[in-house]
Amino acid sequence: MPAFPGLEAIEQALAYGVKVFGVTVHFVDAGVDSGPVILQRAVELSDAHDPEEVLQALRPLEHTLLPETVRLFARGVMRSDPENPRRIICQP
């Protein structure tokens, strides 16, 4: 995300032939995966062909980013980027 929003994002990315996959934590809004991005991380998987293989590589990123996002939110250090409404700035 945001390159492959919605269901089956991994399958979409594999079909397109990407070599770098990622995890995005974002605020939810009325659209599909269109809320402001809070945090993102990526991993290169140049030989990936199976969605389950990609999911297994992404899972540790998810497990790191989600609690970090909750910590940032709880500390009140998030604000909207005035130049890009699809992005959140986190200032400790």
PDB file of N, CA and C in Angstrom:
ATOM      1  N   MET A   1       0.831  -1.158   0.000  1.00  0.00           N
ATOM      2  CA  MET A   1       0.000   0.000   0.000  1.00  0.00           C
ATOM      3  C   MET A   1       0.885   1.233   0.000  1.00  0.00           C
ATOM      4  N   PRO A   2       0.634   2.225  -0.680  1.00  0.00           N
ATOM      5  CA  PRO A   2      -0.618   2.444  -1.372  1.00  0.00           C
ATOM      6  C   PRO A   2      -0.632   1.961  -2.820  1.00  0.00           C
ATOM      7  N   ALA A   3       0.409   1.304  -3.291  1.00  0.00           N
ATOM      8  CA  ALA A   3       0.453   0.885  -4.698  1.00  0.00           C
ATOM      9  C   ALA A   3      -0.599  -0.168  -5.034  1.00  0.00           C
ATOM     10  N   PHE A   4      -0.913  -1.045  -4.092  1.00  0.00           N
ATOM     11  CA  PHE A   4      -1.867  -2.130  -4.337  1.00  0.00           C
ATOM     12  C   PHE A   4      -2.914  -2.168  -3.220  1.00  0.00           C
ATOM     13  N   PRO A   5      -3.864  -1.253  -3.249  1.00  0.00           N
ATOM     14  CA  PRO A   5      -4.865  -1.199  -2.181  1.00  0.00           C
ATOM     15  C   PRO A   5      -5.917  -2.285  -2.311  1.00  0.00           C
ATOM     16  N   GLY A   6      -6.607  -2.522  -1.213  1.00  0.00           N
ATOM     17  CA  GLY A   6      -7.734  -3.448  -1.228  1.00  0.00           C
ATOM     18  C   GLY A   6      -7.339  -4.877  -0.945  1.00  0.00           C
ATOM     19  N   LEU A   7      -8.280  -5.758  -1.226  1.00  0.00           N
ATOM     20  CA  LEU A   7      -8.063  -7.182  -0.998  1.00  0.00           C
ATOM     21  C   LEU A   7      -7.043  -7.742  -1.974  1.00  0.00           C
ATOM     22  N   GLU A   8      -6.377  -8.781  -1.553  1.00  0.00           N
ATOM     23  CA  GLU A   8      -5.404  -9.496  -2.379  1.00  0.00           C
ATOM     24  C   GLU A   8      -4.273  -8.596  -2.871  1.00  0.00           C
ATOM     25  N   ALA A   9      -3.815  -7.715  -1.999  1.00  0.00           N
ATOM     26  CA  ALA A   9      -2.728  -6.797  -2.354  1.00  0.00           C
ATOM     27  C   ALA A   9      -1.452  -7.562  -2.702  1.00  0.00           C
ATOM     28  N   ILE A  10      -1.150  -8.607  -1.961  1.00  0.00           N
ATOM     29  CA  ILE A  10       0.057  -9.382  -2.243  1.00  0.00           C
ATOM     30  C   ILE A  10      -0.051 -10.045  -3.603  1.00  0.00           C
ATOM     31  N   GLU A  11      -1.192 -10.610  -3.890  1.00  0.00           N
ATOM     32  CA  GLU A  11      -1.393 -11.251  -5.193  1.00  0.00           C
ATOM     33  C   GLU A  11      -1.274 -10.228  -6.322  1.00  0.00           C
ATOM     34  N   GLN A  12      -1.828  -9.036  -6.097  1.00  0.00           N
ATOM     35  CA  GLN A  12      -1.706  -7.970  -7.093  1.00  0.00           C
ATOM     36  C   GLN A  12      -0.238  -7.615  -7.328  1.00  0.00           C
ATOM     37  N   ALA A  13       0.515  -7.483  -6.252  1.00  0.00           N
ATOM     38  CA  ALA A  13       1.929  -7.125  -6.360  1.00  0.00           C
ATOM     39  C   ALA A  13       2.723  -8.212  -7.076  1.00  0.00           C
ATOM     40  N   LEU A  14       2.457  -9.462  -6.735  1.00  0.00           N
ATOM     41  CA  LEU A  14       3.143 -10.571  -7.412  1.00  0.00           C
ATOM     42  C   LEU A  14       2.820 -10.582  -8.907  1.00  0.00           C
ATOM     43  N   ALA A  15       1.569 -10.387  -9.255  1.00  0.00           N
ATOM     44  CA  ALA A  15       1.165 -10.376 -10.663  1.00  0.00           C
ATOM     45  C   ALA A  15       1.844  -9.242 -11.426  1.00  0.00           C
ATOM     46  N   TYR A  16       2.084  -8.132 -10.754  1.00  0.00           N
ATOM     47  CA  TYR A  16       2.739  -6.984 -11.377  1.00  0.00           C
ATOM     48  C   TYR A  16       4.245  -7.210 -11.513  1.00  0.00           C
ATOM     49  N   GLY A  17       4.778  -8.106 -10.667  1.00  0.00           N
ATOM     50  CA  GLY A  17       6.201  -8.422 -10.730  1.00  0.00           C
ATOM     51  C   GLY A  17       7.095  -7.618  -9.811  1.00  0.00           C
ATOM     52  N   VAL A  18       6.529  -7.063  -8.752  1.00  0.00           N
ATOM     53  CA  VAL A  18       7.357  -6.266  -7.841  1.00  0.00           C
ATOM     54  C   VAL A  18       8.366  -7.150  -7.118  1.00  0.00           C
ATOM     55  N   LYS A  19       9.439  -6.536  -6.693  1.00  0.00           N
ATOM     56  CA  LYS A  19      10.505  -7.234  -5.974  1.00  0.00           C
ATOM     57  C   LYS A  19      10.654  -6.727  -4.541  1.00  0.00           C
ATOM     58  N   VAL A  20       9.963  -5.633  -4.222  1.00  0.00           N
ATOM     59  CA  VAL A  20       9.979  -5.069  -2.876  1.00  0.00           C
ATOM     60  C   VAL A  20       8.538  -5.009  -2.380  1.00  0.00           C
ATOM     61  N   PHE A  21       8.316  -5.604  -1.218  1.00  0.00           N
ATOM     62  CA  PHE A  21       6.987  -5.666  -0.617  1.00  0.00           C
ATOM     63  C   PHE A  21       7.031  -4.915   0.706  1.00  0.00           C
ATOM     64  N   GLY A  22       5.891  -4.430   1.150  1.00  0.00           N
ATOM     65  CA  GLY A  22       5.921  -3.665   2.377  1.00  0.00           C
ATOM     66  C   GLY A  22       4.644  -3.748   3.182  1.00  0.00           C
ATOM     67  N   VAL A  23       4.739  -3.136   4.343  1.00  0.00           N
ATOM     68  CA  VAL A  23       3.631  -3.048   5.283  1.00  0.00           C
ATOM     69  C   VAL A  23       3.386  -1.566   5.540  1.00  0.00           C
ATOM     70  N   THR A  24       2.127  -1.181   5.530  1.00  0.00           N
ATOM     71  CA  THR A  24       1.745   0.199   5.800  1.00  0.00           C
ATOM     72  C   THR A  24       0.702   0.218   6.906  1.00  0.00           C
ATOM     73  N   VAL A  25       0.923   1.077   7.884  1.00  0.00           N
ATOM     74  CA  VAL A  25      -0.084   1.341   8.913  1.00  0.00           C
ATOM     75  C   VAL A  25      -0.638   2.722   8.589  1.00  0.00           C
ATOM     76  N   HIS A  26      -1.958   2.811   8.511  1.00  0.00           N
ATOM     77  CA  HIS A  26      -2.582   4.072   8.139  1.00  0.00           C
ATOM     78  C   HIS A  26      -3.885   4.257   8.902  1.00  0.00           C
ATOM     79  N   PHE A  27      -4.316   5.513   8.965  1.00  0.00           N
ATOM     80  CA  PHE A  27      -5.628   5.788   9.533  1.00  0.00           C
ATOM     81  C   PHE A  27      -6.691   5.334   8.548  1.00  0.00           C
ATOM     82  N   VAL A  28      -7.794   4.871   9.065  1.00  0.00           N
ATOM     83  CA  VAL A  28      -8.912   4.440   8.231  1.00  0.00           C
ATOM     84  C   VAL A  28      -9.797   5.639   7.936  1.00  0.00           C
ATOM     85  N   ASP A  29     -10.192   5.763   6.679  1.00  0.00           N
ATOM     86  CA  ASP A  29     -11.140   6.803   6.290  1.00  0.00           C
ATOM     87  C   ASP A  29     -12.239   6.151   5.450  1.00  0.00           C
ATOM     88  N   ALA A  30     -12.986   6.924   4.727  1.00  0.00           N
ATOM     89  CA  ALA A  30     -14.124   6.395   3.970  1.00  0.00           C
ATOM     90  C   ALA A  30     -13.705   5.591   2.741  1.00  0.00           C
ATOM     91  N   GLY A  31     -12.484   5.750   2.277  1.00  0.00           N
ATOM     92  CA  GLY A  31     -12.018   5.039   1.091  1.00  0.00           C
ATOM     93  C   GLY A  31     -11.436   3.679   1.430  1.00  0.00           C
ATOM     94  N   VAL A  32     -10.933   3.009   0.417  1.00  0.00           N
ATOM     95  CA  VAL A  32     -10.274   1.711   0.593  1.00  0.00           C
ATOM     96  C   VAL A  32      -8.765   1.943   0.627  1.00  0.00           C
ATOM     97  N   ASP A  33      -8.177   1.722   1.777  1.00  0.00           N
ATOM     98  CA  ASP A  33      -6.732   1.931   1.960  1.00  0.00           C
ATOM     99  C   ASP A  33      -6.295   3.319   1.503  1.00  0.00           C
ATOM    100  N   SER A  34      -7.102   4.321   1.805  1.00  0.00           N
ATOM    101  CA  SER A  34      -6.798   5.672   1.336  1.00  0.00           C
ATOM    102  C   SER A  34      -6.516   6.655   2.466  1.00  0.00           C
ATOM    103  N   GLY A  35      -6.518   6.169   3.701  1.00  0.00           N
ATOM    104  CA  GLY A  35      -6.272   7.045   4.836  1.00  0.00           C
ATOM    105  C   GLY A  35      -4.814   7.464   4.932  1.00  0.00           C
ATOM    106  N   PRO A  36      -4.542   8.491   5.703  1.00  0.00           N
ATOM    107  CA  PRO A  36      -3.172   8.981   5.858  1.00  0.00           C
ATOM    108  C   PRO A  36      -2.225   7.907   6.397  1.00  0.00           C
ATOM    109  N   VAL A  37      -1.063   7.805   5.761  1.00  0.00           N
ATOM    110  CA  VAL A  37      -0.049   6.812   6.125  1.00  0.00           C
ATOM    111  C   VAL A  37       0.671   7.263   7.385  1.00  0.00           C
ATOM    112  N   ILE A  38       0.791   6.344   8.346  1.00  0.00           N
ATOM    113  CA  ILE A  38       1.479   6.637   9.603  1.00  0.00           C
ATOM    114  C   ILE A  38       2.910   6.092   9.553  1.00  0.00           C
ATOM    115  N   LEU A  39       3.045   4.799   9.340  1.00  0.00           N
ATOM    116  CA  LEU A  39       4.366   4.164   9.258  1.00  0.00           C
ATOM    117  C   LEU A  39       4.384   3.152   8.122  1.00  0.00           C
ATOM    118  N   GLN A  40       5.574   2.942   7.552  1.00  0.00           N
ATOM    119  CA  GLN A  40       5.755   1.934   6.509  1.00  0.00           C
ATOM    120  C   GLN A  40       7.126   1.294   6.667  1.00  0.00           C
ATOM    121  N   ARG A  41       7.226   0.036   6.277  1.00  0.00           N
ATOM    122  CA  ARG A  41       8.498  -0.673   6.195  1.00  0.00           C
ATOM    123  C   ARG A  41       8.424  -1.599   4.988  1.00  0.00           C
ATOM    124  N   ALA A  42       9.584  -1.871   4.400  1.00  0.00           N
ATOM    125  CA  ALA A  42       9.621  -2.715   3.204  1.00  0.00           C
ATOM    126  C   ALA A  42      10.724  -3.754   3.331  1.00  0.00           C
ATOM    127  N   VAL A  43      10.593  -4.791   2.523  1.00  0.00           N
ATOM    128  CA  VAL A  43      11.589  -5.856   2.461  1.00  0.00           C
ATOM    129  C   VAL A  43      11.720  -6.290   1.003  1.00  0.00           C
ATOM    130  N   GLU A  44      12.940  -6.511   0.574  1.00  0.00           N
ATOM    131  CA  GLU A  44      13.171  -6.977  -0.796  1.00  0.00           C
ATOM    132  C   GLU A  44      13.002  -8.490  -0.844  1.00  0.00           C
ATOM    133  N   LEU A  45      12.161  -8.940  -1.759  1.00  0.00           N
ATOM    134  CA  LEU A  45      11.911 -10.370  -1.969  1.00  0.00           C
ATOM    135  C   LEU A  45      11.975 -10.623  -3.474  1.00  0.00           C
ATOM    136  N   SER A  46      13.183 -10.577  -4.014  1.00  0.00           N
ATOM    137  CA  SER A  46      13.343 -10.618  -5.472  1.00  0.00           C
ATOM    138  C   SER A  46      12.936 -11.945  -6.101  1.00  0.00           C
ATOM    139  N   ASP A  47      12.892 -13.016  -5.319  1.00  0.00           N
ATOM    140  CA  ASP A  47      12.523 -14.330  -5.872  1.00  0.00           C
ATOM    141  C   ASP A  47      11.146 -14.808  -5.410  1.00  0.00           C
ATOM    142  N   ALA A  48      10.361 -13.934  -4.842  1.00  0.00           N
ATOM    143  CA  ALA A  48       9.052 -14.342  -4.306  1.00  0.00           C
ATOM    144  C   ALA A  48       8.065 -14.654  -5.433  1.00  0.00           C
ATOM    145  N   HIS A  49       7.358 -15.772  -5.272  1.00  0.00           N
ATOM    146  CA  HIS A  49       6.338 -16.170  -6.249  1.00  0.00           C
ATOM    147  C   HIS A  49       5.050 -16.622  -5.574  1.00  0.00           C
ATOM    148  N   ASP A  50       5.083 -16.788  -4.261  1.00  0.00           N
ATOM    149  CA  ASP A  50       3.952 -17.341  -3.535  1.00  0.00           C
ATOM    150  C   ASP A  50       3.444 -16.333  -2.500  1.00  0.00           C
ATOM    151  N   PRO A  51       2.147 -16.036  -2.503  1.00  0.00           N
ATOM    152  CA  PRO A  51       1.616 -15.077  -1.525  1.00  0.00           C
ATOM    153  C   PRO A  51       1.923 -15.448  -0.073  1.00  0.00           C
ATOM    154  N   GLU A  52       1.888 -16.718   0.244  1.00  0.00           N
ATOM    155  CA  GLU A  52       2.166 -17.142   1.624  1.00  0.00           C
ATOM    156  C   GLU A  52       3.616 -16.841   2.005  1.00  0.00           C
ATOM    157  N   GLU A  53       4.526 -17.018   1.081  1.00  0.00           N
ATOM    158  CA  GLU A  53       5.937 -16.707   1.312  1.00  0.00           C
ATOM    159  C   GLU A  53       6.106 -15.209   1.620  1.00  0.00           C
ATOM    160  N   VAL A  54       5.431 -14.373   0.860  1.00  0.00           N
ATOM    161  CA  VAL A  54       5.494 -12.929   1.078  1.00  0.00           C
ATOM    162  C   VAL A  54       4.872 -12.581   2.429  1.00  0.00           C
ATOM    163  N   LEU A  55       3.736 -13.150   2.724  1.00  0.00           N
ATOM    164  CA  LEU A  55       3.061 -12.890   3.990  1.00  0.00           C
ATOM    165  C   LEU A  55       3.953 -13.257   5.173  1.00  0.00           C
ATOM    166  N   GLN A  56       4.646 -14.368   5.083  1.00  0.00           N
ATOM    167  CA  GLN A  56       5.544 -14.783   6.169  1.00  0.00           C
ATOM    168  C   GLN A  56       6.688 -13.788   6.356  1.00  0.00           C
ATOM    169  N   ALA A  57       7.167 -13.204   5.259  1.00  0.00           N
ATOM    170  CA  ALA A  57       8.236 -12.207   5.356  1.00  0.00           C
ATOM    171  C   ALA A  57       7.724 -10.883   5.911  1.00  0.00           C
ATOM    172  N   LEU A  58       6.465 -10.567   5.634  1.00  0.00           N
ATOM    173  CA  LEU A  58       5.892  -9.303   6.090  1.00  0.00           C
ATOM    174  C   LEU A  58       5.402  -9.345   7.532  1.00  0.00           C
ATOM    175  N   ARG A  59       5.049 -10.502   8.011  1.00  0.00           N
ATOM    176  CA  ARG A  59       4.472 -10.637   9.355  1.00  0.00           C
ATOM    177  C   ARG A  59       5.343 -10.001  10.443  1.00  0.00           C
ATOM    178  N   PRO A  60       6.664 -10.224  10.465  1.00  0.00           N
ATOM    179  CA  PRO A  60       7.473  -9.565  11.508  1.00  0.00           C
ATOM    180  C   PRO A  60       7.426  -8.040  11.421  1.00  0.00           C
ATOM    181  N   LEU A  61       7.336  -7.504  10.208  1.00  0.00           N
ATOM    182  CA  LEU A  61       7.217  -6.049  10.057  1.00  0.00           C
ATOM    183  C   LEU A  61       5.911  -5.558  10.662  1.00  0.00           C
ATOM    184  N   GLU A  62       4.831  -6.286  10.395  1.00  0.00           N
ATOM    185  CA  GLU A  62       3.527  -5.930  10.971  1.00  0.00           C
ATOM    186  C   GLU A  62       3.594  -5.944  12.489  1.00  0.00           C
ATOM    187  N   HIS A  63       4.232  -6.965  13.045  1.00  0.00           N
ATOM    188  CA  HIS A  63       4.299  -7.131  14.503  1.00  0.00           C
ATOM    189  C   HIS A  63       5.156  -6.055  15.163  1.00  0.00           C
ATOM    190  N   THR A  64       6.017  -5.413  14.398  1.00  0.00           N
ATOM    191  CA  THR A  64       6.816  -4.304  14.910  1.00  0.00           C
ATOM    192  C   THR A  64       6.090  -2.977  14.748  1.00  0.00           C
ATOM    193  N   LEU A  65       5.494  -2.771  13.562  1.00  0.00           N
ATOM    194  CA  LEU A  65       4.890  -1.479  13.259  1.00  0.00           C
ATOM    195  C   LEU A  65       3.599  -1.194  14.025  1.00  0.00           C
ATOM    196  N   LEU A  66       2.757  -2.175  14.189  1.00  0.00           N
ATOM    197  CA  LEU A  66       1.472  -1.914  14.840  1.00  0.00           C
ATOM    198  C   LEU A  66       1.638  -1.441  16.287  1.00  0.00           C
ATOM    199  N   PRO A  67       2.419  -2.133  17.118  1.00  0.00           N
ATOM    200  CA  PRO A  67       2.583  -1.611  18.490  1.00  0.00           C
ATOM    201  C   PRO A  67       3.305  -0.258  18.517  1.00  0.00           C
ATOM    202  N   GLU A  68       4.234  -0.036  17.583  1.00  0.00           N
ATOM    203  CA  GLU A  68       4.906   1.254  17.531  1.00  0.00           C
ATOM    204  C   GLU A  68       3.916   2.361  17.196  1.00  0.00           C
ATOM    205  N   THR A  69       2.995   2.093  16.291  1.00  0.00           N
ATOM    206  CA  THR A  69       1.964   3.069  15.939  1.00  0.00           C
ATOM    207  C   THR A  69       1.082   3.386  17.141  1.00  0.00           C
ATOM    208  N   VAL A  70       0.695   2.364  17.879  1.00  0.00           N
ATOM    209  CA  VAL A  70      -0.137   2.579  19.070  1.00  0.00           C
ATOM    210  C   VAL A  70       0.623   3.432  20.084  1.00  0.00           C
ATOM    211  N   ARG A  71       1.913   3.165  20.280  1.00  0.00           N
ATOM    212  CA  ARG A  71       2.722   3.964  21.211  1.00  0.00           C
ATOM    213  C   ARG A  71       2.769   5.436  20.770  1.00  0.00           C
ATOM    214  N   LEU A  72       3.003   5.670  19.475  1.00  0.00           N
ATOM    215  CA  LEU A  72       3.059   7.038  18.966  1.00  0.00           C
ATOM    216  C   LEU A  72       1.717   7.752  19.152  1.00  0.00           C
ATOM    217  N   PHE A  73       0.648   7.041  18.861  1.00  0.00           N
ATOM    218  CA  PHE A  73      -0.690   7.623  19.024  1.00  0.00           C
ATOM    219  C   PHE A  73      -0.945   7.962  20.492  1.00  0.00           C
ATOM    220  N   ALA A  74      -0.606   7.044  21.380  1.00  0.00           N
ATOM    221  CA  ALA A  74      -0.844   7.248  22.815  1.00  0.00           C
ATOM    222  C   ALA A  74      -0.024   8.414  23.359  1.00  0.00           C
ATOM    223  N   ARG A  75       1.155   8.623  22.805  1.00  0.00           N
ATOM    224  CA  ARG A  75       1.996   9.745  23.243  1.00  0.00           C
ATOM    225  C   ARG A  75       1.560  11.071  22.637  1.00  0.00           C
ATOM    226  N   GLY A  76       0.661  11.028  21.663  1.00  0.00           N
ATOM    227  CA  GLY A  76       0.151  12.255  21.062  1.00  0.00           C
ATOM    228  C   GLY A  76       1.147  12.982  20.179  1.00  0.00           C
ATOM    229  N   VAL A  77       2.021  12.241  19.525  1.00  0.00           N
ATOM    230  CA  VAL A  77       3.064  12.881  18.714  1.00  0.00           C
ATOM    231  C   VAL A  77       2.773  12.848  17.214  1.00  0.00           C
ATOM    232  N   MET A  78       1.564  12.465  16.834  1.00  0.00           N
ATOM    233  CA  MET A  78       1.201  12.415  15.418  1.00  0.00           C
ATOM    234  C   MET A  78       0.486  13.701  15.021  1.00  0.00           C
ATOM    235  N   ARG A  79       0.810  14.173  13.804  1.00  0.00           N
ATOM    236  CA  ARG A  79       0.075  15.306  13.242  1.00  0.00           C
ATOM    237  C   ARG A  79       0.035  15.155  11.732  1.00  0.00           C
ATOM    238  N   SER A  80      -0.943  15.749  11.115  1.00  0.00           N
ATOM    239  CA  SER A  80      -1.064  15.695   9.661  1.00  0.00           C
ATOM    240  C   SER A  80       0.043  16.515   9.018  1.00  0.00           C
ATOM    241  N   ASP A  81       0.548  16.030   7.894  1.00  0.00           N
ATOM    242  CA  ASP A  81       1.539  16.760   7.109  1.00  0.00           C
ATOM    243  C   ASP A  81       0.777  17.826   6.319  1.00  0.00           C
ATOM    244  N   PRO A  82       1.033  19.117   6.555  1.00  0.00           N
ATOM    245  CA  PRO A  82       0.282  20.163   5.853  1.00  0.00           C
ATOM    246  C   PRO A  82       0.519  20.158   4.342  1.00  0.00           C
ATOM    247  N   GLU A  83       1.624  19.581   3.900  1.00  0.00           N
ATOM    248  CA  GLU A  83       1.932  19.544   2.469  1.00  0.00           C
ATOM    249  C   GLU A  83       1.436  18.272   1.789  1.00  0.00           C
ATOM    250  N   ASN A  84       1.084  17.256   2.578  1.00  0.00           N
ATOM    251  CA  ASN A  84       0.620  15.993   2.007  1.00  0.00           C
ATOM    252  C   ASN A  84      -0.416  15.385   2.956  1.00  0.00           C
ATOM    253  N   PRO A  85      -1.692  15.565   2.667  1.00  0.00           N
ATOM    254  CA  PRO A  85      -2.740  15.073   3.577  1.00  0.00           C
ATOM    255  C   PRO A  85      -2.788  13.561   3.677  1.00  0.00           C
ATOM    256  N   ARG A  86      -2.074  12.825   2.836  1.00  0.00           N
ATOM    257  CA  ARG A  86      -2.046  11.363   2.916  1.00  0.00           C
ATOM    258  C   ARG A  86      -0.928  10.886   3.839  1.00  0.00           C
ATOM    259  N   ARG A  87      -0.265  11.795   4.515  1.00  0.00           N
ATOM    260  CA  ARG A  87       0.880  11.433   5.342  1.00  0.00           C
ATOM    261  C   ARG A  87       0.731  12.009   6.753  1.00  0.00           C
ATOM    262  N   ILE A  88       1.187  11.236   7.723  1.00  0.00           N
ATOM    263  CA  ILE A  88       1.213  11.655   9.119  1.00  0.00           C
ATOM    264  C   ILE A  88       2.674  11.854   9.515  1.00  0.00           C
ATOM    265  N   ILE A  89       2.943  12.924  10.217  1.00  0.00           N
ATOM    266  CA  ILE A  89       4.280  13.184  10.734  1.00  0.00           C
ATOM    267  C   ILE A  89       4.293  12.824  12.211  1.00  0.00           C
ATOM    268  N   CYS A  90       5.309  12.081  12.624  1.00  0.00           N
ATOM    269  CA  CYS A  90       5.446  11.680  14.029  1.00  0.00           C
ATOM    270  C   CYS A  90       6.674  12.383  14.594  1.00  0.00           C
ATOM    271  N   GLN A  91       6.446  13.272  15.563  1.00  0.00           N
ATOM    272  CA  GLN A  91       7.537  13.991  16.190  1.00  0.00           C
ATOM    273  C   GLN A  91       7.534  13.714  17.687  1.00  0.00           C
ATOM    274  N   PRO A  92       8.549  12.995  18.129  1.00  0.00           N
ATOM    275  CA  PRO A  92       8.616  12.656  19.564  1.00  0.00           C
ATOM    276  C   PRO A  92       8.782  13.852  20.463  1.00  0.00           C
TER     277      PRO A  92
END
